[in-house]
């Protein structure tokens, strides 16, 4: 596992299901639990039910969600149900390790992008703002950079090299972008984001 092969001095034990973990001897409240969830239909409900099972079985357990979902509503819901952290797979291994360390000393971790998205969703549109602008999804700077590359027809390998990230991270970002705008493929991403003002396409006037 990445955690055990890194220089973080962390020991990790993996289980296929929550039931497997509950029947083990490693479910003490002092253990940090990483609950992994992939971006599939019903994942938000799976996170909720998983959290409920873990916390009802081991009250006070410190649970960190590890997922490729970057939906702020899902993050907030998980924290409200008792999770101590929410780590998205688009974050680097170093950031994920620091998140675990924060939780280990009693803190709570949530990605800054999730907080910004949640804040934008709670903020009323300013006077004179067009309905189109009001309804636009929020993208992080990294996602905007990837959208720019996708619109140029660049493959994941080139995007990863250009933006200094792994191909798997690029794929996670693209899946989240597609989900936000309900696109079925990269061509639709390019078409549906045509009206977005991307950083490297902004006017210098």
Foldseek 3Di string as FASTA:
>chain_A
DVVVPDPLPDDDDDDPDVVVVLPDPPLAQLDEAEAEFEPDPCRLVVLLVSLVVSCVSHPNHAYEYEYLDLALVSQVVNVVSPHQEYHHPLDDPVVVSVQVVQVSVPHGYYDPVSVVQVVLVPDDDDPPDDPVVNPDHDDDLLLLLLLVCLLVVHDLVVSCVVVVHDSVSSVSSVVNLCVRQVNDDSVVSNVVCVPPCGPVNDDPD
